[in-house]
């Protein structure tokens, strides 16, 4: 496949992120019903790295996302995967994120690239920023302490949202093409036992969206997807122990472009690690690889 030069690709991505931020800011300053939407924009299509080559296996079941971050000042930066399991140097994408307390990227058209972002503001409103829209889609989400999109859970194109309330009940919101959300559906109780819940797309090679969850003892568990929104996950299976060394777990899609979704983890010293996906339910991740030696604790949000 043809590739633009690295410099031109970086300029194009930076311009797109800046434009997206400006779009959302315009919505806020216009004083419309979306006044709670902060100055942020959607994730945009990162260019495939030159190292990817013609054999890169891009798939909606293992999407290729840039890694988005927000520091303590509310400034946002992005890192584009280099196609070899690492990350390219960071680029600044804008400010105004001090009003955002959680965010998650989505791929609504299932082309294998992020095309938008859902986020929760400090006033507990939910915003959606897509390619051509930035608006508020829900309110009063302060009841939830976990929030992310693993991808589509019911077979539609749109990436759905999972949230956990403070009683430990997991809920599913189905997304629509315009970014709006359905009424919530209960997944089930008992999820309060977990200190982290995450996942991005297919982790087991069956084409269905899966998630992982870490319990208080540091054991990681896999929940295989069913493709049925009435009962989106099968019973859990054990992945392994020792995961309490990390203060953040994040499903990041396919970082190394091998066709399998991966898992990123940050340890207490601020190092970033990559667990490459295998596509096998019996052992969904390979041994960890260091992709960031230090400094990652400076970020308040990674998504």
C-alpha atoms as a PDB file:
ATOM      1  CA  UNK A   1       0.000   0.000   0.000  1.00  0.00           C
ATOM      2  CA  UNK A   2       1.329   3.535  -0.681  1.00  0.00           C
ATOM      3  CA  UNK A   3       2.468   5.619   2.296  1.00  0.00           C
ATOM      4  CA  UNK A   4       2.998   9.355   2.683  1.00  0.00           C
ATOM      5  CA  UNK A   5       6.202  10.594   4.269  1.00  0.00           C
ATOM      6  CA  UNK A   6       6.406  10.492   8.066  1.00  0.00           C
ATOM      7  CA  UNK A   7       6.492  14.281   8.293  1.00  0.00           C
ATOM      8  CA  UNK A   8       3.419  14.818   6.119  1.00  0.00           C
ATOM      9  CA  UNK A   9       1.508  12.108   7.998  1.00  0.00           C
ATOM     10  CA  UNK A  10       2.269  13.764  11.333  1.00  0.00           C
ATOM     11  CA  UNK A  11       1.210  17.178  10.031  1.00  0.00           C
ATOM     12  CA  UNK A  12      -2.072  15.778   8.736  1.00  0.00           C
ATOM     13  CA  UNK A  13      -2.864  14.058  12.027  1.00  0.00           C
ATOM     14  CA  UNK A  14      -2.007  17.160  14.059  1.00  0.00           C
ATOM     15  CA  UNK A  15      -4.225  19.347  11.859  1.00  0.00           C
ATOM     16  CA  UNK A  16      -7.125  16.904  12.192  1.00  0.00           C
ATOM     17  CA  UNK A  17      -6.882  16.805  15.991  1.00  0.00           C
ATOM     18  CA  UNK A  18      -6.653  20.593  16.208  1.00  0.00           C
ATOM     19  CA  UNK A  19      -9.723  20.949  13.985  1.00  0.00           C
ATOM     20  CA  UNK A  20     -11.669  18.460  16.092  1.00  0.00           C
ATOM     21  CA  UNK A  21     -10.811  20.343  19.280  1.00  0.00           C
ATOM     22  CA  UNK A  22     -11.904  23.613  17.713  1.00  0.00           C
ATOM     23  CA  UNK A  23     -15.201  22.021  16.682  1.00  0.00           C
ATOM     24  CA  UNK A  24     -16.032  20.965  20.224  1.00  0.00           C
ATOM     25  CA  UNK A  25     -14.956  24.345  21.627  1.00  0.00           C
ATOM     26  CA  UNK A  26     -17.312  26.047  19.195  1.00  0.00           C
ATOM     27  CA  UNK A  27     -20.187  23.942  20.501  1.00  0.00           C
ATOM     28  CA  UNK A  28     -19.391  24.963  24.076  1.00  0.00           C
ATOM     29  CA  UNK A  29     -19.000  28.682  23.432  1.00  0.00           C
ATOM     30  CA  UNK A  30     -22.171  28.804  21.343  1.00  0.00           C
ATOM     31  CA  UNK A  31     -24.206  28.401  24.532  1.00  0.00           C
ATOM     32  CA  UNK A  32     -26.326  25.582  23.141  1.00  0.00           C
ATOM     33  CA  UNK A  33     -27.728  22.569  24.962  1.00  0.00           C
ATOM     34  CA  UNK A  34     -24.248  21.091  24.743  1.00  0.00           C
ATOM     35  CA  UNK A  35     -22.742  23.655  27.075  1.00  0.00           C
ATOM     36  CA  UNK A  36     -21.317  20.925  29.288  1.00  0.00           C
ATOM     37  CA  UNK A  37     -19.191  19.527  26.479  1.00  0.00           C
ATOM     38  CA  UNK A  38     -15.562  20.504  27.151  1.00  0.00           C
ATOM     39  CA  UNK A  39     -12.977  21.564  24.619  1.00  0.00           C
ATOM     40  CA  UNK A  40     -11.992  18.188  23.250  1.00  0.00           C
ATOM     41  CA  UNK A  41     -12.243  16.462  19.923  1.00  0.00           C
ATOM     42  CA  UNK A  42     -12.555  12.920  18.658  1.00  0.00           C
ATOM     43  CA  UNK A  43      -9.745  10.546  18.078  1.00  0.00           C
ATOM     44  CA  UNK A  44      -8.876  10.563  14.401  1.00  0.00           C
ATOM     45  CA  UNK A  45      -7.528   8.110  11.859  1.00  0.00           C
ATOM     46  CA  UNK A  46      -3.809   7.629  12.569  1.00  0.00           C
ATOM     47  CA  UNK A  47      -1.686   6.943   9.505  1.00  0.00           C
ATOM     48  CA  UNK A  48      -0.396   3.401   9.198  1.00  0.00           C
ATOM     49  CA  UNK A  49       3.325   3.508   9.973  1.00  0.00           C
ATOM     50  CA  UNK A  50       5.831   2.911   7.222  1.00  0.00           C
ATOM     51  CA  UNK A  51       7.018  -0.161   9.097  1.00  0.00           C
ATOM     52  CA  UNK A  52       3.573  -1.762   8.766  1.00  0.00           C
ATOM     53  CA  UNK A  53       4.194  -2.864   5.186  1.00  0.00           C
ATOM     54  CA  UNK A  54       1.690  -4.458   2.846  1.00  0.00           C
ATOM     55  CA  UNK A  55       1.015  -7.364   5.234  1.00  0.00           C
ATOM     56  CA  UNK A  56      -0.499  -5.215   8.004  1.00  0.00           C
ATOM     57  CA  UNK A  57      -3.659  -6.965   9.159  1.00  0.00           C
ATOM     58  CA  UNK A  58      -5.985  -4.085  10.005  1.00  0.00           C
ATOM     59  CA  UNK A  59      -9.389  -5.297  11.214  1.00  0.00           C
ATOM     60  CA  UNK A  60     -12.396  -3.936  13.115  1.00  0.00           C
ATOM     61  CA  UNK A  61     -11.865  -6.894  15.462  1.00  0.00           C
ATOM     62  CA  UNK A  62      -8.369  -5.550  16.223  1.00  0.00           C
ATOM     63  CA  UNK A  63      -8.578  -1.795  15.504  1.00  0.00           C
ATOM     64  CA  UNK A  64      -5.566   0.495  15.099  1.00  0.00           C
ATOM     65  CA  UNK A  65      -5.925   3.416  17.534  1.00  0.00           C
ATOM     66  CA  UNK A  66      -3.568   6.156  18.600  1.00  0.00           C
ATOM     67  CA  UNK A  67      -2.985   6.298  22.363  1.00  0.00           C
ATOM     68  CA  UNK A  68      -4.588   9.464  23.782  1.00  0.00           C
ATOM     69  CA  UNK A  69      -3.386  11.035  27.041  1.00  0.00           C
ATOM     70  CA  UNK A  70      -4.274  13.981  29.284  1.00  0.00           C
ATOM     71  CA  UNK A  71      -1.892  15.477  31.829  1.00  0.00           C
ATOM     72  CA  UNK A  72      -2.624  17.237  35.119  1.00  0.00           C
ATOM     73  CA  UNK A  73      -2.897  20.646  33.406  1.00  0.00           C
ATOM     74  CA  UNK A  74      -5.623  19.450  31.063  1.00  0.00           C
ATOM     75  CA  UNK A  75      -3.376  19.292  27.986  1.00  0.00           C
ATOM     76  CA  UNK A  76      -3.897  16.354  25.630  1.00  0.00           C
ATOM     77  CA  UNK A  77      -1.276  14.451  23.657  1.00  0.00           C
ATOM     78  CA  UNK A  78      -1.370  11.471  21.336  1.00  0.00           C
ATOM     79  CA  UNK A  79       1.044   8.663  20.491  1.00  0.00           C
ATOM     80  CA  UNK A  80       0.724   6.796  17.207  1.00  0.00           C
ATOM     81  CA  UNK A  81       1.741   3.101  17.344  1.00  0.00           C
ATOM     82  CA  UNK A  82       4.824   2.464  15.241  1.00  0.00           C
ATOM     83  CA  UNK A  83       3.546  -0.874  13.925  1.00  0.00           C
ATOM     84  CA  UNK A  84       6.264  -2.831  15.720  1.00  0.00           C
ATOM     85  CA  UNK A  85       4.787  -2.853  19.204  1.00  0.00           C
ATOM     86  CA  UNK A  86       6.072   0.573  20.244  1.00  0.00           C
ATOM     87  CA  UNK A  87       4.857   4.160  20.130  1.00  0.00           C
ATOM     88  CA  UNK A  88       6.020   7.143  18.097  1.00  0.00           C
ATOM     89  CA  UNK A  89       6.995  10.349  19.988  1.00  0.00           C
ATOM     90  CA  UNK A  90       4.063  12.244  21.421  1.00  0.00           C
ATOM     91  CA  UNK A  91       2.308  15.147  19.720  1.00  0.00           C
ATOM     92  CA  UNK A  92       0.187  17.763  21.448  1.00  0.00           C
ATOM     93  CA  UNK A  93      -3.434  17.848  20.308  1.00  0.00           C
ATOM     94  CA  UNK A  94      -4.936  20.613  22.460  1.00  0.00           C
ATOM     95  CA  UNK A  95      -6.014  21.869  25.852  1.00  0.00           C
ATOM     96  CA  UNK A  96      -9.254  22.248  27.755  1.00  0.00           C
ATOM     97  CA  UNK A  97      -9.388  18.716  29.108  1.00  0.00           C
ATOM     98  CA  UNK A  98      -9.393  19.782  32.767  1.00  0.00           C
ATOM     99  CA  UNK A  99     -13.197  19.382  32.714  1.00  0.00           C
ATOM    100  CA  UNK A 100     -12.984  15.742  31.559  1.00  0.00           C
ATOM    101  CA  UNK A 101     -12.764  12.958  34.145  1.00  0.00           C
ATOM    102  CA  UNK A 102     -13.041   9.927  31.832  1.00  0.00           C
ATOM    103  CA  UNK A 103     -12.863   9.278  28.091  1.00  0.00           C
ATOM    104  CA  UNK A 104     -12.929   6.388  25.643  1.00  0.00           C
ATOM    105  CA  UNK A 105     -12.308   6.135  21.901  1.00  0.00           C
ATOM    106  CA  UNK A 106     -14.760   4.431  19.550  1.00  0.00           C
ATOM    107  CA  UNK A 107     -14.905   3.040  16.016  1.00  0.00           C
ATOM    108  CA  UNK A 108     -18.539   3.525  14.982  1.00  0.00           C
ATOM    109  CA  UNK A 109     -18.128   2.576  11.319  1.00  0.00           C
ATOM    110  CA  UNK A 110     -15.956  -0.499  12.041  1.00  0.00           C
ATOM    111  CA  UNK A 111     -13.242   0.394   9.572  1.00  0.00           C
ATOM    112  CA  UNK A 112     -10.520  -0.417  12.089  1.00  0.00           C
ATOM    113  CA  UNK A 113      -9.797   3.216  13.026  1.00  0.00           C
ATOM    114  CA  UNK A 114     -11.120   5.422  15.828  1.00  0.00           C
ATOM    115  CA  UNK A 115     -13.626   7.970  14.576  1.00  0.00           C
ATOM    116  CA  UNK A 116     -14.839   9.549  17.798  1.00  0.00           C
ATOM    117  CA  UNK A 117     -14.683   9.875  21.569  1.00  0.00           C
ATOM    118  CA  UNK A 118     -17.167   9.588  24.421  1.00  0.00           C
ATOM    119  CA  UNK A 119     -16.246  11.430  27.614  1.00  0.00           C
ATOM    120  CA  UNK A 120     -17.656  12.270  31.036  1.00  0.00           C
ATOM    121  CA  UNK A 121     -17.251  15.809  32.341  1.00  0.00           C
ATOM    122  CA  UNK A 122     -16.734  16.916  35.924  1.00  0.00           C
ATOM    123  CA  UNK A 123     -20.434  17.871  35.967  1.00  0.00           C
ATOM    124  CA  UNK A 124     -21.234  14.207  35.127  1.00  0.00           C
ATOM    125  CA  UNK A 125     -22.538  14.977  31.639  1.00  0.00           C
ATOM    126  CA  UNK A 126     -21.639  12.622  28.791  1.00  0.00           C
ATOM    127  CA  UNK A 127     -20.282  14.165  25.606  1.00  0.00           C
ATOM    128  CA  UNK A 128     -19.768  12.676  22.190  1.00  0.00           C
ATOM    129  CA  UNK A 129     -17.304  14.116  19.681  1.00  0.00           C
ATOM    130  CA  UNK A 130     -17.351  12.531  16.234  1.00  0.00           C
ATOM    131  CA  UNK A 131     -16.008  13.462  12.835  1.00  0.00           C
ATOM    132  CA  UNK A 132     -18.648  16.143  12.279  1.00  0.00           C
ATOM    133  CA  UNK A 133     -20.383  16.579  15.627  1.00  0.00           C
ATOM    134  CA  UNK A 134     -19.712  17.408  19.261  1.00  0.00           C
ATOM    135  CA  UNK A 135     -22.601  17.378  21.670  1.00  0.00           C
ATOM    136  CA  UNK A 136     -23.994  16.215  24.976  1.00  0.00           C
ATOM    137  CA  UNK A 137     -25.721  12.827  24.884  1.00  0.00           C
ATOM    138  CA  UNK A 138     -26.505  12.098  28.548  1.00  0.00           C
ATOM    139  CA  UNK A 139     -26.488  13.578  32.059  1.00  0.00           C
ATOM    140  CA  UNK A 140     -26.249  12.404  35.675  1.00  0.00           C
ATOM    141  CA  UNK A 141     -23.574   9.751  35.177  1.00  0.00           C
ATOM    142  CA  UNK A 142     -21.962  10.460  38.550  1.00  0.00           C
ATOM    143  CA  UNK A 143     -23.380   7.142  39.753  1.00  0.00           C
ATOM    144  CA  UNK A 144     -20.786   5.247  37.689  1.00  0.00           C
ATOM    145  CA  UNK A 145     -17.195   4.530  38.730  1.00  0.00           C
ATOM    146  CA  UNK A 146     -16.103   2.614  35.622  1.00  0.00           C
ATOM    147  CA  UNK A 147     -16.661   3.712  32.004  1.00  0.00           C
ATOM    148  CA  UNK A 148     -15.237   2.499  28.691  1.00  0.00           C
ATOM    149  CA  UNK A 149     -16.120   1.172  25.247  1.00  0.00           C
ATOM    150  CA  UNK A 150     -14.891  -2.331  24.399  1.00  0.00           C
ATOM    151  CA  UNK A 151     -16.402  -2.098  20.897  1.00  0.00           C
ATOM    152  CA  UNK A 152     -19.665  -3.514  19.609  1.00  0.00           C
ATOM    153  CA  UNK A 153     -21.280  -6.081  21.893  1.00  0.00           C
ATOM    154  CA  UNK A 154     -24.393  -6.849  19.887  1.00  0.00           C
ATOM    155  CA  UNK A 155     -23.248  -7.205  16.307  1.00  0.00           C
ATOM    156  CA  UNK A 156     -24.082  -3.683  15.136  1.00  0.00           C
ATOM    157  CA  UNK A 157     -21.426  -1.356  13.740  1.00  0.00           C
ATOM    158  CA  UNK A 158     -21.451   1.083  16.627  1.00  0.00           C
ATOM    159  CA  UNK A 159     -19.144   0.814  19.641  1.00  0.00           C
ATOM    160  CA  UNK A 160     -21.169   0.371  22.824  1.00  0.00           C
ATOM    161  CA  UNK A 161     -20.486   1.658  26.347  1.00  0.00           C
ATOM    162  CA  UNK A 162     -20.033  -0.345  29.556  1.00  0.00           C
ATOM    163  CA  UNK A 163     -20.404   1.333  32.957  1.00  0.00           C
ATOM    164  CA  UNK A 164     -20.391   0.062  36.531  1.00  0.00           C
ATOM    165  CA  UNK A 165     -22.434   1.668  39.281  1.00  0.00           C
ATOM    166  CA  UNK A 166     -21.290   2.019  42.886  1.00  0.00           C
ATOM    167  CA  UNK A 167     -23.314  -1.044  43.913  1.00  0.00           C
ATOM    168  CA  UNK A 168     -21.152  -3.163  41.584  1.00  0.00           C
ATOM    169  CA  UNK A 169     -23.752  -3.644  38.840  1.00  0.00           C
ATOM    170  CA  UNK A 170     -22.470  -3.567  35.251  1.00  0.00           C
ATOM    171  CA  UNK A 171     -24.652  -1.806  32.668  1.00  0.00           C
ATOM    172  CA  UNK A 172     -24.609  -1.651  28.865  1.00  0.00           C
ATOM    173  CA  UNK A 173     -25.532   1.358  26.746  1.00  0.00           C
ATOM    174  CA  UNK A 174     -25.966   0.589  23.047  1.00  0.00           C
ATOM    175  CA  UNK A 175     -24.649   3.312  20.762  1.00  0.00           C
ATOM    176  CA  UNK A 176     -26.291   4.667  17.627  1.00  0.00           C
ATOM    177  CA  UNK A 177     -24.659   6.002  14.455  1.00  0.00           C
ATOM    178  CA  UNK A 178     -25.215   9.631  15.471  1.00  0.00           C
ATOM    179  CA  UNK A 179     -23.513   9.090  18.849  1.00  0.00           C
ATOM    180  CA  UNK A 180     -26.694   8.946  20.914  1.00  0.00           C
ATOM    181  CA  UNK A 181     -27.159   6.118  23.421  1.00  0.00           C
ATOM    182  CA  UNK A 182     -30.000   3.727  24.174  1.00  0.00           C
ATOM    183  CA  UNK A 183     -31.459   3.229  27.602  1.00  0.00           C
ATOM    184  CA  UNK A 184     -29.226   1.093  29.779  1.00  0.00           C
ATOM    185  CA  UNK A 185     -29.414  -2.699  29.942  1.00  0.00           C
ATOM    186  CA  UNK A 186     -28.239  -4.596  33.013  1.00  0.00           C
ATOM    187  CA  UNK A 187     -25.358  -6.971  32.408  1.00  0.00           C
ATOM    188  CA  UNK A 188     -25.279  -8.206  35.981  1.00  0.00           C
ATOM    189  CA  UNK A 189     -24.252  -7.639  39.621  1.00  0.00           C
ATOM    190  CA  UNK A 190     -21.017  -8.628  41.324  1.00  0.00           C
ATOM    191  CA  UNK A 191     -18.617  -6.473  39.321  1.00  0.00           C
ATOM    192  CA  UNK A 192     -17.624  -4.482  42.394  1.00  0.00           C
ATOM    193  CA  UNK A 193     -15.035  -7.174  43.132  1.00  0.00           C
ATOM    194  CA  UNK A 194     -12.868  -5.770  40.333  1.00  0.00           C
ATOM    195  CA  UNK A 195     -10.395  -2.901  40.543  1.00  0.00           C
ATOM    196  CA  UNK A 196     -10.079  -2.593  36.755  1.00  0.00           C
ATOM    197  CA  UNK A 197     -12.291  -3.566  33.814  1.00  0.00           C
ATOM    198  CA  UNK A 198     -11.144  -3.041  30.230  1.00  0.00           C
ATOM    199  CA  UNK A 199     -10.724  -4.583  26.793  1.00  0.00           C
ATOM    200  CA  UNK A 200     -10.853  -3.587  23.160  1.00  0.00           C
ATOM    201  CA  UNK A 201     -12.574  -5.713  20.508  1.00  0.00           C
ATOM    202  CA  UNK A 202     -11.803  -9.414  20.026  1.00  0.00           C
ATOM    203  CA  UNK A 203      -9.253 -10.987  22.385  1.00  0.00           C
ATOM    204  CA  UNK A 204      -9.957 -14.656  21.619  1.00  0.00           C
ATOM    205  CA  UNK A 205     -10.098 -14.933  17.824  1.00  0.00           C
ATOM    206  CA  UNK A 206     -13.811 -15.709  17.465  1.00  0.00           C
ATOM    207  CA  UNK A 207     -14.832 -12.302  16.096  1.00  0.00           C
ATOM    208  CA  UNK A 208     -16.751 -11.267  19.232  1.00  0.00           C
ATOM    209  CA  UNK A 209     -15.886  -8.464  21.635  1.00  0.00           C
ATOM    210  CA  UNK A 210     -14.295  -9.578  24.926  1.00  0.00           C
ATOM    211  CA  UNK A 211     -13.214  -7.865  28.133  1.00  0.00           C
ATOM    212  CA  UNK A 212     -10.855  -8.549  31.034  1.00  0.00           C
ATOM    213  CA  UNK A 213     -11.217  -7.669  34.718  1.00  0.00           C
ATOM    214  CA  UNK A 214      -8.726  -7.598  37.622  1.00  0.00           C
ATOM    215  CA  UNK A 215      -9.843  -8.582  41.120  1.00  0.00           C
ATOM    216  CA  UNK A 216      -8.508  -7.237  44.413  1.00  0.00           C
ATOM    217  CA  UNK A 217      -5.991 -10.082  44.740  1.00  0.00           C
ATOM    218  CA  UNK A 218      -4.413  -9.098  41.415  1.00  0.00           C
ATOM    219  CA  UNK A 219      -5.846 -11.947  39.345  1.00  0.00           C
ATOM    220  CA  UNK A 220      -6.883 -11.092  35.791  1.00  0.00           C
ATOM    221  CA  UNK A 221     -10.010 -12.731  34.384  1.00  0.00           C
ATOM    222  CA  UNK A 222     -11.275 -13.040  30.809  1.00  0.00           C
ATOM    223  CA  UNK A 223     -14.953 -12.621  29.900  1.00  0.00           C
ATOM    224  CA  UNK A 224     -15.556 -13.934  26.397  1.00  0.00           C
ATOM    225  CA  UNK A 225     -18.190 -12.109  24.385  1.00  0.00           C
ATOM    226  CA  UNK A 226     -21.325 -13.824  23.117  1.00  0.00           C
ATOM    227  CA  UNK A 227     -22.517 -11.298  20.530  1.00  0.00           C
ATOM    228  CA  UNK A 228     -25.876 -11.162  22.356  1.00  0.00           C
ATOM    229  CA  UNK A 229     -26.687  -7.919  24.179  1.00  0.00           C
ATOM    230  CA  UNK A 230     -29.161  -9.767  26.422  1.00  0.00           C
ATOM    231  CA  UNK A 231     -26.235 -11.742  27.850  1.00  0.00           C
ATOM    232  CA  UNK A 232     -23.039 -10.213  26.414  1.00  0.00           C
ATOM    233  CA  UNK A 233     -20.470 -12.347  28.287  1.00  0.00           C
ATOM    234  CA  UNK A 234     -19.831 -15.959  29.163  1.00  0.00           C
ATOM    235  CA  UNK A 235     -18.584 -17.100  32.567  1.00  0.00           C
ATOM    236  CA  UNK A 236     -15.107 -15.871  33.416  1.00  0.00           C
ATOM    237  CA  UNK A 237     -11.870 -17.789  32.914  1.00  0.00           C
ATOM    238  CA  UNK A 238      -8.595 -17.086  34.679  1.00  0.00           C
ATOM    239  CA  UNK A 239      -5.770 -15.354  32.777  1.00  0.00           C
ATOM    240  CA  UNK A 240      -3.150 -15.068  35.537  1.00  0.00           C
ATOM    241  CA  UNK A 241      -1.948 -13.462  38.768  1.00  0.00           C
ATOM    242  CA  UNK A 242       0.338 -10.552  39.626  1.00  0.00           C
ATOM    243  CA  UNK A 243      -1.619  -7.752  37.979  1.00  0.00           C
ATOM    244  CA  UNK A 244      -1.750  -5.547  41.098  1.00  0.00           C
ATOM    245  CA  UNK A 245       1.665  -4.162  40.151  1.00  0.00           C
ATOM    246  CA  UNK A 246      -0.184  -1.941  37.670  1.00  0.00           C
ATOM    247  CA  UNK A 247      -2.124   1.231  38.433  1.00  0.00           C
ATOM    248  CA  UNK A 248      -3.771   1.258  34.999  1.00  0.00           C
ATOM    249  CA  UNK A 249      -4.930  -1.362  32.498  1.00  0.00           C
ATOM    250  CA  UNK A 250      -6.117  -0.265  29.058  1.00  0.00           C
ATOM    251  CA  UNK A 251      -7.368  -2.155  26.031  1.00  0.00           C
ATOM    252  CA  UNK A 252      -5.622  -0.349  23.187  1.00  0.00           C
ATOM    253  CA  UNK A 253      -6.478  -2.295  20.050  1.00  0.00           C
ATOM    254  CA  UNK A 254      -3.775  -3.650  17.768  1.00  0.00           C
ATOM    255  CA  UNK A 255      -0.529  -1.833  18.605  1.00  0.00           C
ATOM    256  CA  UNK A 256       1.827  -4.046  16.579  1.00  0.00           C
ATOM    257  CA  UNK A 257      -0.486  -4.670  13.590  1.00  0.00           C
ATOM    258  CA  UNK A 258      -0.383  -8.461  13.821  1.00  0.00           C
ATOM    259  CA  UNK A 259      -4.168  -8.798  13.666  1.00  0.00           C
ATOM    260  CA  UNK A 260      -4.722  -9.284  17.439  1.00  0.00           C
ATOM    261  CA  UNK A 261      -5.930  -6.788  20.039  1.00  0.00           C
ATOM    262  CA  UNK A 262      -3.450  -5.965  22.784  1.00  0.00           C
ATOM    263  CA  UNK A 263      -3.455  -4.758  26.402  1.00  0.00           C
ATOM    264  CA  UNK A 264      -1.403  -1.870  27.807  1.00  0.00           C
ATOM    265  CA  UNK A 265      -0.460  -1.583  31.490  1.00  0.00           C
ATOM    266  CA  UNK A 266       1.218   1.156  33.551  1.00  0.00           C
ATOM    267  CA  UNK A 267       3.149   0.241  36.688  1.00  0.00           C
ATOM    268  CA  UNK A 268       3.589   2.280  39.884  1.00  0.00           C
ATOM    269  CA  UNK A 269       6.925   3.711  38.741  1.00  0.00           C
ATOM    270  CA  UNK A 270       5.378   5.178  35.600  1.00  0.00           C
ATOM    271  CA  UNK A 271       6.647   2.598  33.085  1.00  0.00           C
ATOM    272  CA  UNK A 272       4.359   1.467  30.282  1.00  0.00           C
ATOM    273  CA  UNK A 273       4.116  -2.190  29.246  1.00  0.00           C
ATOM    274  CA  UNK A 274       2.499  -3.920  26.295  1.00  0.00           C
ATOM    275  CA  UNK A 275       0.892  -7.344  26.455  1.00  0.00           C
ATOM    276  CA  UNK A 276       0.568  -8.452  22.842  1.00  0.00           C
ATOM    277  CA  UNK A 277      -2.580 -10.352  22.021  1.00  0.00           C
ATOM    278  CA  UNK A 278      -2.520 -13.939  20.801  1.00  0.00           C
ATOM    279  CA  UNK A 279      -6.132 -14.414  19.688  1.00  0.00           C
ATOM    280  CA  UNK A 280      -6.381 -17.500  21.934  1.00  0.00           C
ATOM    281  CA  UNK A 281      -8.819 -17.748  24.832  1.00  0.00           C
ATOM    282  CA  UNK A 282      -6.553 -20.166  26.713  1.00  0.00           C
ATOM    283  CA  UNK A 283      -3.717 -17.597  26.829  1.00  0.00           C
ATOM    284  CA  UNK A 284      -4.912 -14.245  25.401  1.00  0.00           C
ATOM    285  CA  UNK A 285      -1.623 -12.351  25.971  1.00  0.00           C
ATOM    286  CA  UNK A 286       2.081 -12.919  25.449  1.00  0.00           C
ATOM    287  CA  UNK A 287       4.701 -11.932  28.041  1.00  0.00           C
ATOM    288  CA  UNK A 288       4.936  -8.203  28.606  1.00  0.00           C
ATOM    289  CA  UNK A 289       7.224  -5.876  26.636  1.00  0.00           C
ATOM    290  CA  UNK A 290       8.448  -2.492  27.910  1.00  0.00           C
ATOM    291  CA  UNK A 291       7.311   0.317  25.579  1.00  0.00           C
ATOM    292  CA  UNK A 292       7.805   3.329  27.874  1.00  0.00           C
ATOM    293  CA  UNK A 293      10.592   3.428  30.477  1.00  0.00           C
ATOM    294  CA  UNK A 294       9.187   6.208  32.668  1.00  0.00           C
ATOM    295  CA  UNK A 295       7.064   9.339  32.821  1.00  0.00           C
ATOM    296  CA  UNK A 296       3.670   7.835  32.173  1.00  0.00           C
ATOM    297  CA  UNK A 297       2.390   8.679  35.655  1.00  0.00           C
ATOM    298  CA  UNK A 298       2.274  12.326  34.554  1.00  0.00           C
ATOM    299  CA  UNK A 299      -0.946  11.517  32.726  1.00  0.00           C
ATOM    300  CA  UNK A 300      -4.256  11.718  34.506  1.00  0.00           C
ATOM    301  CA  UNK A 301      -6.055   9.955  31.662  1.00  0.00           C
ATOM    302  CA  UNK A 302      -4.982   7.401  29.073  1.00  0.00           C
ATOM    303  CA  UNK A 303      -7.539   6.151  26.559  1.00  0.00           C
END
